[in-house]
Amino acid sequence: MLNFLRPFFARLFGPLIQALARTPVTPNMITVAGCIGVSAPCLAMFPIGWLFPGAATATVFTFLDMLDGQLARIKGDSGRFGAFLDSTTDRFADACVFGAITIWFIKVDHLLAVVSLFCLASGLCVSYVKARAEGLGLNANVGLIERPERLVIGLTAIGLSGLGIPYVLPIGMWGLAAGTAITLYQRMRCVYLDAKAKDGPRAAEQPAAAPTAPEQPGAATAAPKQPDVAPPPPSATAPGSPPSAAPPPASVRPGVAPPTSPPSASVPSAPVPSAPVPDAAPTAPEPPDAAPPAAAPPGTGPSPAAGAAQAQPDA
């Protein structure tokens, strides 16, 4: 909000900056000196009630802190480390200013102590939102009250209160809390809209740029093992008959059990006439037993041949 005053302060401090440019003083030295000049008086004087001296000293070093950027441009020493050091020392100085006045408010007014803590936390968040957004390539350069405005409002209210002007300190702190909260909301909304505008087309182009092929079953994982099918029992055919042709196997899909036909639906095969099996070769007929010897007439003894026949089985 006070950016329009930068040209005025540049012309005001122009002769001083030209004089510093001819000395060995570097922009980083001015940055560190400005941080110490703001932090030390606040921490030393605010907790004991010396509000005006502390606020006046901190205000002088606050304006001198704006010289580092102009001196860096004149000397050509601007770089990334200088920007990093400047941001870090600014956060430290802000914390010292509002932390020191919070210690004083704890002694005199607890409600204003809470308001001061809110100004401290929200002020750090406002600066962090902008730094983080710039790191992501997003825009957050908006806001009602930025760091220069916070320091001017806070130090002015504290200094006038130290001179005995009533109600100026509560009005200044409440107004600073409301303005900081509005600034935080503005920056977060700006980052949200910028991120949505930049991420929307990128998310829409991503499927068209690299379409992914649908996953085919069995491409990433191995095909499921088909269940073992028991072979059909051999048909009872007579020896010598031609074998019957086996039906072609049905195609089995992966993961689907092969269809089995119920036993009742099977069609019995026609009986195949079998050739008569020839019997074994006929054996020669046994010779008929020898005729029994004729009976000897009574009164005669056995013949020698008969006696030999009877004695043969005993041999």
C-alpha atoms as a PDB file:
ATOM      1  CA  MET A   1       0.000   0.000   0.000  1.00  0.00           C
ATOM      2  CA  LEU A   2       2.919   2.333   0.676  1.00  0.00           C
ATOM      3  CA  ASN A   3       4.735   1.388  -2.521  1.00  0.00           C
ATOM      4  CA  PHE A   4       3.927   4.781  -3.982  1.00  0.00           C
ATOM      5  CA  LEU A   5       6.251   6.302  -1.339  1.00  0.00           C
ATOM      6  CA  ARG A   6       9.307   4.412  -2.583  1.00  0.00           C
ATOM      7  CA  PRO A   7      10.253   7.043  -5.216  1.00  0.00           C
ATOM      8  CA  PHE A   8       9.999   9.729  -2.519  1.00  0.00           C
ATOM      9  CA  PHE A   9      12.302   7.868  -0.145  1.00  0.00           C
ATOM     10  CA  ALA A  10      14.678   7.081  -3.032  1.00  0.00           C
ATOM     11  CA  ARG A  11      15.099  10.802  -3.759  1.00  0.00           C
ATOM     12  CA  LEU A  12      15.316  11.573  -0.049  1.00  0.00           C
ATOM     13  CA  PHE A  13      18.115   9.094   0.647  1.00  0.00           C
ATOM     14  CA  GLY A  14      19.778   9.473  -2.776  1.00  0.00           C
ATOM     15  CA  PRO A  15      22.750  11.607  -1.590  1.00  0.00           C
ATOM     16  CA  LEU A  16      23.389   9.241   1.337  1.00  0.00           C
ATOM     17  CA  ILE A  17      23.345   6.219  -0.961  1.00  0.00           C
ATOM     18  CA  GLN A  18      25.781   7.879  -3.385  1.00  0.00           C
ATOM     19  CA  ALA A  19      28.117   8.573  -0.486  1.00  0.00           C
ATOM     20  CA  LEU A  20      27.922   4.984   0.735  1.00  0.00           C
ATOM     21  CA  ALA A  21      28.612   3.703  -2.777  1.00  0.00           C
ATOM     22  CA  ARG A  22      32.108   5.273  -2.616  1.00  0.00           C
ATOM     23  CA  THR A  23      32.920   3.440   0.628  1.00  0.00           C
ATOM     24  CA  PRO A  24      33.688  -0.243   1.294  1.00  0.00           C
ATOM     25  CA  VAL A  25      30.260  -0.630   2.882  1.00  0.00           C
ATOM     26  CA  THR A  26      28.309  -3.516   1.305  1.00  0.00           C
ATOM     27  CA  PRO A  27      24.546  -3.966   1.064  1.00  0.00           C
ATOM     28  CA  ASN A  28      24.716  -6.983   3.383  1.00  0.00           C
ATOM     29  CA  MET A  29      26.319  -4.829   6.069  1.00  0.00           C
ATOM     30  CA  ILE A  30      23.433  -2.361   5.874  1.00  0.00           C
ATOM     31  CA  THR A  31      20.934  -5.241   6.057  1.00  0.00           C
ATOM     32  CA  VAL A  32      22.444  -6.662   9.240  1.00  0.00           C
ATOM     33  CA  ALA A  33      22.842  -3.204  10.800  1.00  0.00           C
ATOM     34  CA  GLY A  34      19.205  -2.354  10.104  1.00  0.00           C
ATOM     35  CA  CYS A  35      18.023  -5.613  11.681  1.00  0.00           C
ATOM     36  CA  ILE A  36      20.061  -4.995  14.835  1.00  0.00           C
ATOM     37  CA  GLY A  37      18.955  -1.349  14.984  1.00  0.00           C
ATOM     38  CA  VAL A  38      15.284  -2.352  14.919  1.00  0.00           C
ATOM     39  CA  SER A  39      15.442  -5.398  17.198  1.00  0.00           C
ATOM     40  CA  ALA A  40      17.746  -4.223  19.991  1.00  0.00           C
ATOM     41  CA  PRO A  41      15.844  -1.041  21.049  1.00  0.00           C
ATOM     42  CA  CYS A  42      12.493  -2.884  21.030  1.00  0.00           C
ATOM     43  CA  LEU A  43      13.735  -5.787  23.136  1.00  0.00           C
ATOM     44  CA  ALA A  44      15.505  -3.474  25.557  1.00  0.00           C
ATOM     45  CA  MET A  45      12.882  -0.706  26.014  1.00  0.00           C
ATOM     46  CA  PHE A  46       9.388  -2.077  25.345  1.00  0.00           C
ATOM     47  CA  PRO A  47       9.246  -4.627  28.200  1.00  0.00           C
ATOM     48  CA  ILE A  48      10.101  -1.922  30.777  1.00  0.00           C
ATOM     49  CA  GLY A  49       7.600   0.628  29.435  1.00  0.00           C
ATOM     50  CA  TRP A  50       9.918   2.924  27.469  1.00  0.00           C
ATOM     51  CA  LEU A  51       7.619   2.928  24.507  1.00  0.00           C
ATOM     52  CA  PHE A  52       8.458   6.229  22.812  1.00  0.00           C
ATOM     53  CA  PRO A  53      12.289   5.936  22.859  1.00  0.00           C
ATOM     54  CA  GLY A  54      12.157   2.383  21.634  1.00  0.00           C
ATOM     55  CA  ALA A  55       9.640   3.128  18.868  1.00  0.00           C
ATOM     56  CA  ALA A  56      11.574   6.223  17.675  1.00  0.00           C
ATOM     57  CA  THR A  57      14.900   4.363  17.445  1.00  0.00           C
ATOM     58  CA  ALA A  58      13.318   1.409  15.642  1.00  0.00           C
ATOM     59  CA  THR A  59      11.595   3.719  13.155  1.00  0.00           C
ATOM     60  CA  VAL A  60      14.873   5.409  12.174  1.00  0.00           C
ATOM     61  CA  PHE A  61      16.562   2.067  11.464  1.00  0.00           C
ATOM     62  CA  THR A  62      13.463   0.883   9.606  1.00  0.00           C
ATOM     63  CA  PHE A  63      13.899   3.650   7.037  1.00  0.00           C
ATOM     64  CA  LEU A  64      17.658   3.021   6.864  1.00  0.00           C
ATOM     65  CA  ASP A  65      16.896  -0.623   6.104  1.00  0.00           C
ATOM     66  CA  MET A  66      15.525   0.475   2.724  1.00  0.00           C
ATOM     67  CA  LEU A  67      18.997   1.579   1.633  1.00  0.00           C
ATOM     68  CA  ASP A  68      20.421  -1.907   1.076  1.00  0.00           C
ATOM     69  CA  GLY A  69      18.438  -2.576  -2.086  1.00  0.00           C
ATOM     70  CA  GLN A  70      19.333   0.740  -3.719  1.00  0.00           C
ATOM     71  CA  LEU A  71      22.975   0.408  -2.737  1.00  0.00           C
ATOM     72  CA  ALA A  72      23.063  -3.109  -4.177  1.00  0.00           C
ATOM     73  CA  ARG A  73      21.727  -1.834  -7.506  1.00  0.00           C
ATOM     74  CA  ILE A  74      24.312   0.950  -7.651  1.00  0.00           C
ATOM     75  CA  LYS A  75      27.266  -1.296  -6.765  1.00  0.00           C
ATOM     76  CA  GLY A  76      25.974  -4.239  -8.777  1.00  0.00           C
ATOM     77  CA  ASP A  77      26.205  -6.563  -5.769  1.00  0.00           C
ATOM     78  CA  SER A  78      22.611  -7.761  -5.902  1.00  0.00           C
ATOM     79  CA  GLY A  79      22.359 -11.543  -5.768  1.00  0.00           C
ATOM     80  CA  ARG A  80      20.387 -14.412  -4.381  1.00  0.00           C
ATOM     81  CA  PHE A  81      22.124 -14.476  -1.038  1.00  0.00           C
ATOM     82  CA  GLY A  82      21.436 -10.775  -0.519  1.00  0.00           C
ATOM     83  CA  ALA A  83      17.709 -11.320  -1.124  1.00  0.00           C
ATOM     84  CA  PHE A  84      17.721 -14.322   1.207  1.00  0.00           C
ATOM     85  CA  LEU A  85      19.535 -12.398   3.965  1.00  0.00           C
ATOM     86  CA  ASP A  86      17.183  -9.422   3.645  1.00  0.00           C
ATOM     87  CA  SER A  87      14.058 -11.616   3.968  1.00  0.00           C
ATOM     88  CA  THR A  88      15.472 -13.490   6.961  1.00  0.00           C
ATOM     89  CA  THR A  89      16.446 -10.366   8.890  1.00  0.00           C
ATOM     90  CA  ASP A  90      13.046  -8.772   8.178  1.00  0.00           C
ATOM     91  CA  ARG A  91      11.240 -11.737   9.763  1.00  0.00           C
ATOM     92  CA  PHE A  92      13.536 -11.563  12.799  1.00  0.00           C
ATOM     93  CA  ALA A  93      12.973  -7.821  13.258  1.00  0.00           C
ATOM     94  CA  ASP A  94       9.171  -8.184  13.009  1.00  0.00           C
ATOM     95  CA  ALA A  95       9.183 -10.914  15.653  1.00  0.00           C
ATOM     96  CA  CYS A  96      11.261  -8.769  18.013  1.00  0.00           C
ATOM     97  CA  VAL A  97       8.971  -5.726  17.661  1.00  0.00           C
ATOM     98  CA  PHE A  98       5.689  -7.521  18.343  1.00  0.00           C
ATOM     99  CA  GLY A  99       7.183  -9.962  20.828  1.00  0.00           C
ATOM    100  CA  ALA A 100       8.602  -7.152  22.948  1.00  0.00           C
ATOM    101  CA  ILE A 101       5.336  -5.176  22.995  1.00  0.00           C
ATOM    102  CA  THR A 102       3.473  -8.387  23.910  1.00  0.00           C
ATOM    103  CA  ILE A 103       5.600  -8.662  27.055  1.00  0.00           C
ATOM    104  CA  TRP A 104       4.499  -5.147  28.013  1.00  0.00           C
ATOM    105  CA  PHE A 105       0.837  -5.922  27.278  1.00  0.00           C
ATOM    106  CA  ILE A 106       0.953  -8.961  29.555  1.00  0.00           C
ATOM    107  CA  LYS A 107       1.653  -6.612  32.442  1.00  0.00           C
ATOM    108  CA  VAL A 108      -1.041  -4.034  31.619  1.00  0.00           C
ATOM    109  CA  ASP A 109      -3.720  -5.582  29.337  1.00  0.00           C
ATOM    110  CA  HIS A 110      -4.077  -9.277  28.606  1.00  0.00           C
ATOM    111  CA  LEU A 111      -6.531  -8.745  25.732  1.00  0.00           C
ATOM    112  CA  LEU A 112      -4.079  -6.506  23.884  1.00  0.00           C
ATOM    113  CA  ALA A 113      -1.406  -9.121  24.529  1.00  0.00           C
ATOM    114  CA  VAL A 114      -3.537 -11.648  22.628  1.00  0.00           C
ATOM    115  CA  VAL A 115      -4.101  -9.149  19.818  1.00  0.00           C
ATOM    116  CA  SER A 116      -0.367  -8.481  19.602  1.00  0.00           C
ATOM    117  CA  LEU A 117       0.392 -12.186  19.388  1.00  0.00           C
ATOM    118  CA  PHE A 118      -2.145 -12.490  16.580  1.00  0.00           C
ATOM    119  CA  CYS A 119      -0.427  -9.626  14.726  1.00  0.00           C
ATOM    120  CA  LEU A 120       2.901 -11.411  15.163  1.00  0.00           C
ATOM    121  CA  ALA A 121       1.658 -14.796  13.893  1.00  0.00           C
ATOM    122  CA  SER A 122      -0.419 -13.467  11.016  1.00  0.00           C
ATOM    123  CA  GLY A 123       2.369 -11.110   9.925  1.00  0.00           C
ATOM    124  CA  LEU A 124       4.806 -14.007   9.679  1.00  0.00           C
ATOM    125  CA  CYS A 125       2.229 -16.007   7.734  1.00  0.00           C
ATOM    126  CA  VAL A 126       1.672 -13.142   5.284  1.00  0.00           C
ATOM    127  CA  SER A 127       5.384 -13.012   4.491  1.00  0.00           C
ATOM    128  CA  TYR A 128       5.674 -16.793   4.304  1.00  0.00           C
ATOM    129  CA  VAL A 129       2.724 -17.144   1.909  1.00  0.00           C
ATOM    130  CA  LYS A 130       4.350 -14.784  -0.566  1.00  0.00           C
ATOM    131  CA  ALA A 131       7.770 -16.446  -0.303  1.00  0.00           C
ATOM    132  CA  ARG A 132       6.319 -19.931  -0.704  1.00  0.00           C
ATOM    133  CA  ALA A 133       4.134 -18.901  -3.643  1.00  0.00           C
ATOM    134  CA  GLU A 134       7.086 -17.348  -5.449  1.00  0.00           C
ATOM    135  CA  GLY A 135       9.046 -20.556  -4.874  1.00  0.00           C
ATOM    136  CA  LEU A 136       6.241 -22.499  -6.616  1.00  0.00           C
ATOM    137  CA  GLY A 137       6.050 -20.035  -9.494  1.00  0.00           C
ATOM    138  CA  LEU A 138       2.713 -18.552  -8.378  1.00  0.00           C
ATOM    139  CA  ASN A 139       1.633 -14.968  -7.882  1.00  0.00           C
ATOM    140  CA  ALA A 140       0.942 -13.565  -4.394  1.00  0.00           C
ATOM    141  CA  ASN A 141       1.907  -9.929  -4.870  1.00  0.00           C
ATOM    142  CA  VAL A 142      -1.318  -8.545  -3.397  1.00  0.00           C
ATOM    143  CA  GLY A 143      -2.452  -7.408   0.017  1.00  0.00           C
ATOM    144  CA  LEU A 144      -3.822  -4.487   1.942  1.00  0.00           C
ATOM    145  CA  ILE A 145      -1.065  -4.288   4.576  1.00  0.00           C
ATOM    146  CA  GLU A 146       2.462  -5.521   3.838  1.00  0.00           C
ATOM    147  CA  ARG A 147       5.564  -5.357   6.019  1.00  0.00           C
ATOM    148  CA  PRO A 148       6.273  -1.595   5.712  1.00  0.00           C
ATOM    149  CA  GLU A 149       2.679  -0.800   6.609  1.00  0.00           C
ATOM    150  CA  ARG A 150       2.741  -3.165   9.593  1.00  0.00           C
ATOM    151  CA  LEU A 151       5.871  -1.560  11.019  1.00  0.00           C
ATOM    152  CA  VAL A 152       4.670   1.998  10.405  1.00  0.00           C
ATOM    153  CA  ILE A 153       1.254   1.399  12.017  1.00  0.00           C
ATOM    154  CA  GLY A 154       2.642  -0.589  14.927  1.00  0.00           C
ATOM    155  CA  LEU A 155       5.583   1.688  15.769  1.00  0.00           C
ATOM    156  CA  THR A 156       3.490   4.850  15.345  1.00  0.00           C
ATOM    157  CA  ALA A 157       0.784   3.594  17.713  1.00  0.00           C
ATOM    158  CA  ILE A 158       3.373   2.462  20.260  1.00  0.00           C
ATOM    159  CA  GLY A 159       5.290   5.771  20.105  1.00  0.00           C
ATOM    160  CA  LEU A 160       2.214   7.971  20.445  1.00  0.00           C
ATOM    161  CA  SER A 161       1.017   5.846  23.356  1.00  0.00           C
ATOM    162  CA  GLY A 162       4.375   6.448  25.002  1.00  0.00           C
ATOM    163  CA  LEU A 163       3.737  10.207  24.711  1.00  0.00           C
ATOM    164  CA  GLY A 164       0.529   9.769  26.715  1.00  0.00           C
ATOM    165  CA  ILE A 165      -2.046   9.923  23.902  1.00  0.00           C
ATOM    166  CA  PRO A 166      -5.001   7.739  25.020  1.00  0.00           C
ATOM    167  CA  TYR A 167      -6.743   5.055  22.981  1.00  0.00           C
ATOM    168  CA  VAL A 168      -4.228   5.252  20.165  1.00  0.00           C
ATOM    169  CA  LEU A 169      -2.506   1.994  21.073  1.00  0.00           C
ATOM    170  CA  PRO A 170      -5.667  -0.198  21.243  1.00  0.00           C
ATOM    171  CA  ILE A 171      -6.997   1.331  18.027  1.00  0.00           C
ATOM    172  CA  GLY A 172      -3.696   0.810  16.255  1.00  0.00           C
ATOM    173  CA  MET A 173      -3.324  -2.827  17.400  1.00  0.00           C
ATOM    174  CA  TRP A 174      -6.908  -3.818  16.567  1.00  0.00           C
ATOM    175  CA  GLY A 175      -6.702  -2.129  13.187  1.00  0.00           C
ATOM    176  CA  LEU A 176      -3.368  -3.809  12.471  1.00  0.00           C
ATOM    177  CA  ALA A 177      -4.810  -7.235  13.388  1.00  0.00           C
ATOM    178  CA  ALA A 178      -7.802  -6.771  11.079  1.00  0.00           C
ATOM    179  CA  GLY A 179      -5.674  -5.502   8.189  1.00  0.00           C
ATOM    180  CA  THR A 180      -3.190  -8.363   8.547  1.00  0.00           C
ATOM    181  CA  ALA A 181      -5.966 -10.951   8.545  1.00  0.00           C
ATOM    182  CA  ILE A 182      -7.453  -9.422   5.383  1.00  0.00           C
ATOM    183  CA  THR A 183      -4.033  -9.425   3.713  1.00  0.00           C
ATOM    184  CA  LEU A 184      -3.503 -13.070   4.588  1.00  0.00           C
ATOM    185  CA  TYR A 185      -6.857 -13.979   3.062  1.00  0.00           C
ATOM    186  CA  GLN A 186      -6.149 -11.959  -0.091  1.00  0.00           C
ATOM    187  CA  ARG A 187      -2.814 -13.646  -0.677  1.00  0.00           C
ATOM    188  CA  MET A 188      -4.100 -17.154  -0.057  1.00  0.00           C
ATOM    189  CA  ARG A 189      -7.011 -16.593  -2.421  1.00  0.00           C
ATOM    190  CA  CYS A 190      -4.700 -15.147  -5.070  1.00  0.00           C
ATOM    191  CA  VAL A 191      -2.425 -18.187  -4.814  1.00  0.00           C
ATOM    192  CA  TYR A 192      -5.425 -20.523  -5.027  1.00  0.00           C
ATOM    193  CA  LEU A 193      -6.784 -18.890  -8.177  1.00  0.00           C
ATOM    194  CA  ASP A 194      -3.375 -18.751  -9.828  1.00  0.00           C
ATOM    195  CA  ALA A 195      -2.672 -22.397  -9.034  1.00  0.00           C
ATOM    196  CA  LYS A 196      -6.090 -23.446 -10.318  1.00  0.00           C
ATOM    197  CA  ALA A 197      -5.584 -21.525 -13.558  1.00  0.00           C
ATOM    198  CA  LYS A 198      -2.162 -23.067 -14.173  1.00  0.00           C
ATOM    199  CA  ASP A 199      -2.961 -26.624 -13.084  1.00  0.00           C
ATOM    200  CA  GLY A 200      -6.310 -26.875 -14.899  1.00  0.00           C
ATOM    201  CA  PRO A 201      -5.018 -26.978 -18.528  1.00  0.00           C
ATOM    202  CA  ARG A 202      -2.109 -29.169 -17.487  1.00  0.00           C
ATOM    203  CA  ALA A 203      -4.439 -31.750 -15.923  1.00  0.00           C
ATOM    204  CA  ALA A 204      -6.689 -31.675 -19.011  1.00  0.00           C
ATOM    205  CA  GLU A 205      -3.801 -32.228 -21.441  1.00  0.00           C
ATOM    206  CA  GLN A 206      -2.202 -35.042 -19.495  1.00  0.00           C
ATOM    207  CA  PRO A 207      -4.568 -37.888 -20.592  1.00  0.00           C
ATOM    208  CA  ALA A 208      -4.409 -36.794 -24.273  1.00  0.00           C
ATOM    209  CA  ALA A 209      -0.620 -36.526 -24.279  1.00  0.00           C
ATOM    210  CA  ALA A 210       0.124 -39.930 -22.855  1.00  0.00           C
ATOM    211  CA  PRO A 211      -2.880 -42.278 -23.073  1.00  0.00           C
ATOM    212  CA  THR A 212      -2.435 -45.467 -21.191  1.00  0.00           C
ATOM    213  CA  ALA A 213      -3.349 -48.722 -22.924  1.00  0.00           C
ATOM    214  CA  PRO A 214      -5.962 -50.814 -21.138  1.00  0.00           C
ATOM    215  CA  GLU A 215      -4.440 -53.602 -19.190  1.00  0.00           C
ATOM    216  CA  GLN A 216      -4.930 -56.952 -20.882  1.00  0.00           C
ATOM    217  CA  PRO A 217      -5.648 -59.967 -18.759  1.00  0.00           C
ATOM    218  CA  GLY A 218      -2.588 -62.112 -18.454  1.00  0.00           C
ATOM    219  CA  ALA A 219      -0.139 -59.409 -19.688  1.00  0.00           C
ATOM    220  CA  ALA A 220       1.306 -58.454 -16.326  1.00  0.00           C
ATOM    221  CA  THR A 221       0.653 -61.745 -14.525  1.00  0.00           C
ATOM    222  CA  ALA A 222       1.141 -65.305 -15.674  1.00  0.00           C
ATOM    223  CA  ALA A 223      -1.798 -67.155 -17.152  1.00  0.00           C
ATOM    224  CA  PRO A 224      -3.652 -69.231 -14.608  1.00  0.00           C
ATOM    225  CA  LYS A 225      -2.806 -72.906 -14.661  1.00  0.00           C
ATOM    226  CA  GLN A 226      -5.471 -74.990 -16.322  1.00  0.00           C
ATOM    227  CA  PRO A 227      -6.916 -77.740 -14.178  1.00  0.00           C
ATOM    228  CA  ASP A 228      -5.756 -81.226 -14.983  1.00  0.00           C
ATOM    229  CA  VAL A 229      -8.396 -83.185 -16.856  1.00  0.00           C
ATOM    230  CA  ALA A 230      -8.473 -86.903 -16.230  1.00  0.00           C
ATOM    231  CA  PRO A 231      -8.195 -88.924 -19.471  1.00  0.00           C
ATOM    232  CA  PRO A 232     -11.366 -90.770 -20.502  1.00  0.00           C
ATOM    233  CA  PRO A 233     -11.441 -94.446 -19.579  1.00  0.00           C
ATOM    234  CA  PRO A 234     -10.476 -96.764 -22.421  1.00  0.00           C
ATOM    235  CA  SER A 235     -13.410 -98.266 -24.220  1.00  0.00           C
ATOM    236  CA  ALA A 236     -13.819-101.947 -23.870  1.00  0.00           C
ATOM    237  CA  THR A 237     -13.198-103.075 -27.420  1.00  0.00           C
ATOM    238  CA  ALA A 238     -12.348-106.437 -28.540  1.00  0.00           C
ATOM    239  CA  PRO A 239      -8.808-107.148 -29.607  1.00  0.00           C
ATOM    240  CA  GLY A 240      -8.216-106.524 -33.224  1.00  0.00           C
ATOM    241  CA  SER A 241     -10.992-103.892 -33.617  1.00  0.00           C
ATOM    242  CA  PRO A 242     -10.000-100.457 -35.054  1.00  0.00           C
ATOM    243  CA  PRO A 243      -9.645 -97.690 -32.381  1.00  0.00           C
ATOM    244  CA  SER A 244     -12.391 -95.073 -32.387  1.00  0.00           C
ATOM    245  CA  ALA A 245     -11.427 -91.470 -33.149  1.00  0.00           C
ATOM    246  CA  ALA A 246     -11.255 -89.267 -30.030  1.00  0.00           C
ATOM    247  CA  PRO A 247     -13.395 -86.070 -30.108  1.00  0.00           C
ATOM    248  CA  PRO A 248     -11.425 -82.801 -30.414  1.00  0.00           C
ATOM    249  CA  PRO A 249     -10.768 -81.100 -27.047  1.00  0.00           C
ATOM    250  CA  ALA A 250     -12.939 -78.080 -26.310  1.00  0.00           C
ATOM    251  CA  SER A 251     -11.208 -74.717 -25.974  1.00  0.00           C
ATOM    252  CA  VAL A 252     -10.765 -73.703 -22.351  1.00  0.00           C
ATOM    253  CA  ARG A 253     -10.666 -70.049 -21.431  1.00  0.00           C
ATOM    254  CA  PRO A 254      -8.222 -68.853 -18.748  1.00  0.00           C
ATOM    255  CA  GLY A 255      -9.763 -68.964 -15.325  1.00  0.00           C
ATOM    256  CA  VAL A 256     -12.894 -70.924 -16.513  1.00  0.00           C
ATOM    257  CA  ALA A 257     -13.268 -74.589 -15.651  1.00  0.00           C
ATOM    258  CA  PRO A 258     -13.808 -76.840 -18.703  1.00  0.00           C
ATOM    259  CA  PRO A 259     -17.412 -77.928 -19.153  1.00  0.00           C
ATOM    260  CA  THR A 260     -18.095 -81.484 -18.172  1.00  0.00           C
ATOM    261  CA  SER A 261     -21.044 -83.377 -19.607  1.00  0.00           C
ATOM    262  CA  PRO A 262     -23.155 -85.359 -17.175  1.00  0.00           C
ATOM    263  CA  PRO A 263     -22.874 -89.131 -17.392  1.00  0.00           C
ATOM    264  CA  SER A 264     -26.522 -89.485 -18.393  1.00  0.00           C
ATOM    265  CA  ALA A 265     -26.039 -87.281 -21.470  1.00  0.00           C
ATOM    266  CA  SER A 266     -23.337 -89.499 -23.002  1.00  0.00           C
ATOM    267  CA  VAL A 267     -24.454 -91.569 -26.000  1.00  0.00           C
ATOM    268  CA  PRO A 268     -23.379 -95.187 -25.762  1.00  0.00           C
ATOM    269  CA  SER A 269     -21.248 -96.338 -28.634  1.00  0.00           C
ATOM    270  CA  ALA A 270     -22.529 -98.998 -30.937  1.00  0.00           C
ATOM    271  CA  PRO A 271     -21.190-102.468 -30.184  1.00  0.00           C
ATOM    272  CA  VAL A 272     -18.503-103.574 -32.587  1.00  0.00           C
ATOM    273  CA  PRO A 273     -18.856-107.174 -33.732  1.00  0.00           C
ATOM    274  CA  SER A 274     -15.881-109.115 -32.641  1.00  0.00           C
ATOM    275  CA  ALA A 275     -14.331-111.912 -34.607  1.00  0.00           C
ATOM    276  CA  PRO A 276     -14.597-115.383 -33.068  1.00  0.00           C
ATOM    277  CA  VAL A 277     -11.514-116.287 -31.184  1.00  0.00           C
ATOM    278  CA  PRO A 278     -10.159-119.639 -32.386  1.00  0.00           C
ATOM    279  CA  ASP A 279      -9.754-122.262 -29.706  1.00  0.00           C
ATOM    280  CA  ALA A 280      -6.495-123.868 -28.953  1.00  0.00           C
ATOM    281  CA  ALA A 281      -5.247-126.622 -31.301  1.00  0.00           C
ATOM    282  CA  PRO A 282      -7.020-129.934 -30.696  1.00  0.00           C
ATOM    283  CA  THR A 283      -5.005-132.424 -28.837  1.00  0.00           C
ATOM    284  CA  ALA A 284      -4.589-135.923 -30.093  1.00  0.00           C
ATOM    285  CA  PRO A 285      -7.187-138.338 -28.735  1.00  0.00           C
ATOM    286  CA  GLU A 286      -5.944-140.599 -26.078  1.00  0.00           C
ATOM    287  CA  PRO A 287      -5.541-144.181 -27.204  1.00  0.00           C
ATOM    288  CA  PRO A 288      -8.157-146.415 -25.862  1.00  0.00           C
ATOM    289  CA  ASP A 289      -7.173-148.534 -22.999  1.00  0.00           C
ATOM    290  CA  ALA A 290      -5.976-151.971 -23.902  1.00  0.00           C
ATOM    291  CA  ALA A 291      -8.606-154.522 -23.953  1.00  0.00           C
ATOM    292  CA  PRO A 292      -8.753-156.447 -20.776  1.00  0.00           C
ATOM    293  CA  PRO A 293      -7.172-159.822 -21.066  1.00  0.00           C
ATOM    294  CA  ALA A 294      -9.382-162.571 -21.676  1.00  0.00           C
ATOM    295  CA  ALA A 295     -10.387-164.470 -18.682  1.00  0.00           C
ATOM    296  CA  ALA A 296      -8.561-167.740 -18.347  1.00  0.00           C
ATOM    297  CA  PRO A 297     -10.581-170.798 -18.264  1.00  0.00           C
ATOM    298  CA  PRO A 298     -11.210-172.095 -14.874  1.00  0.00           C
ATOM    299  CA  GLY A 299      -8.663-174.385 -13.583  1.00  0.00           C
ATOM    300  CA  THR A 300      -5.800-172.789 -15.428  1.00  0.00           C
ATOM    301  CA  GLY A 301      -3.201-170.502 -13.903  1.00  0.00           C
ATOM    302  CA  PRO A 302      -2.482-167.007 -15.019  1.00  0.00           C
ATOM    303  CA  SER A 303      -0.459-166.526 -18.093  1.00  0.00           C
ATOM    304  CA  PRO A 304       2.970-165.013 -17.921  1.00  0.00           C
ATOM    305  CA  ALA A 305       1.837-161.915 -19.879  1.00  0.00           C
ATOM    306  CA  ALA A 306      -0.923-161.195 -17.408  1.00  0.00           C
ATOM    307  CA  GLY A 307       1.445-161.507 -14.517  1.00  0.00           C
ATOM    308  CA  ALA A 308       3.770-158.998 -16.117  1.00  0.00           C
ATOM    309  CA  ALA A 309       0.905-156.533 -16.669  1.00  0.00           C
ATOM    310  CA  GLN A 310      -0.146-156.703 -13.105  1.00  0.00           C
ATOM    311  CA  ALA A 311       3.350-156.302 -11.812  1.00  0.00           C
ATOM    312  CA  GLN A 312       4.062-153.177 -13.966  1.00  0.00           C
ATOM    313  CA  PRO A 313       2.247-150.593 -11.786  1.00  0.00           C
ATOM    314  CA  ASP A 314       4.218-151.706  -8.804  1.00  0.00           C
ATOM    315  CA  ALA A 315       7.435-150.968 -10.512  1.00  0.00           C
END
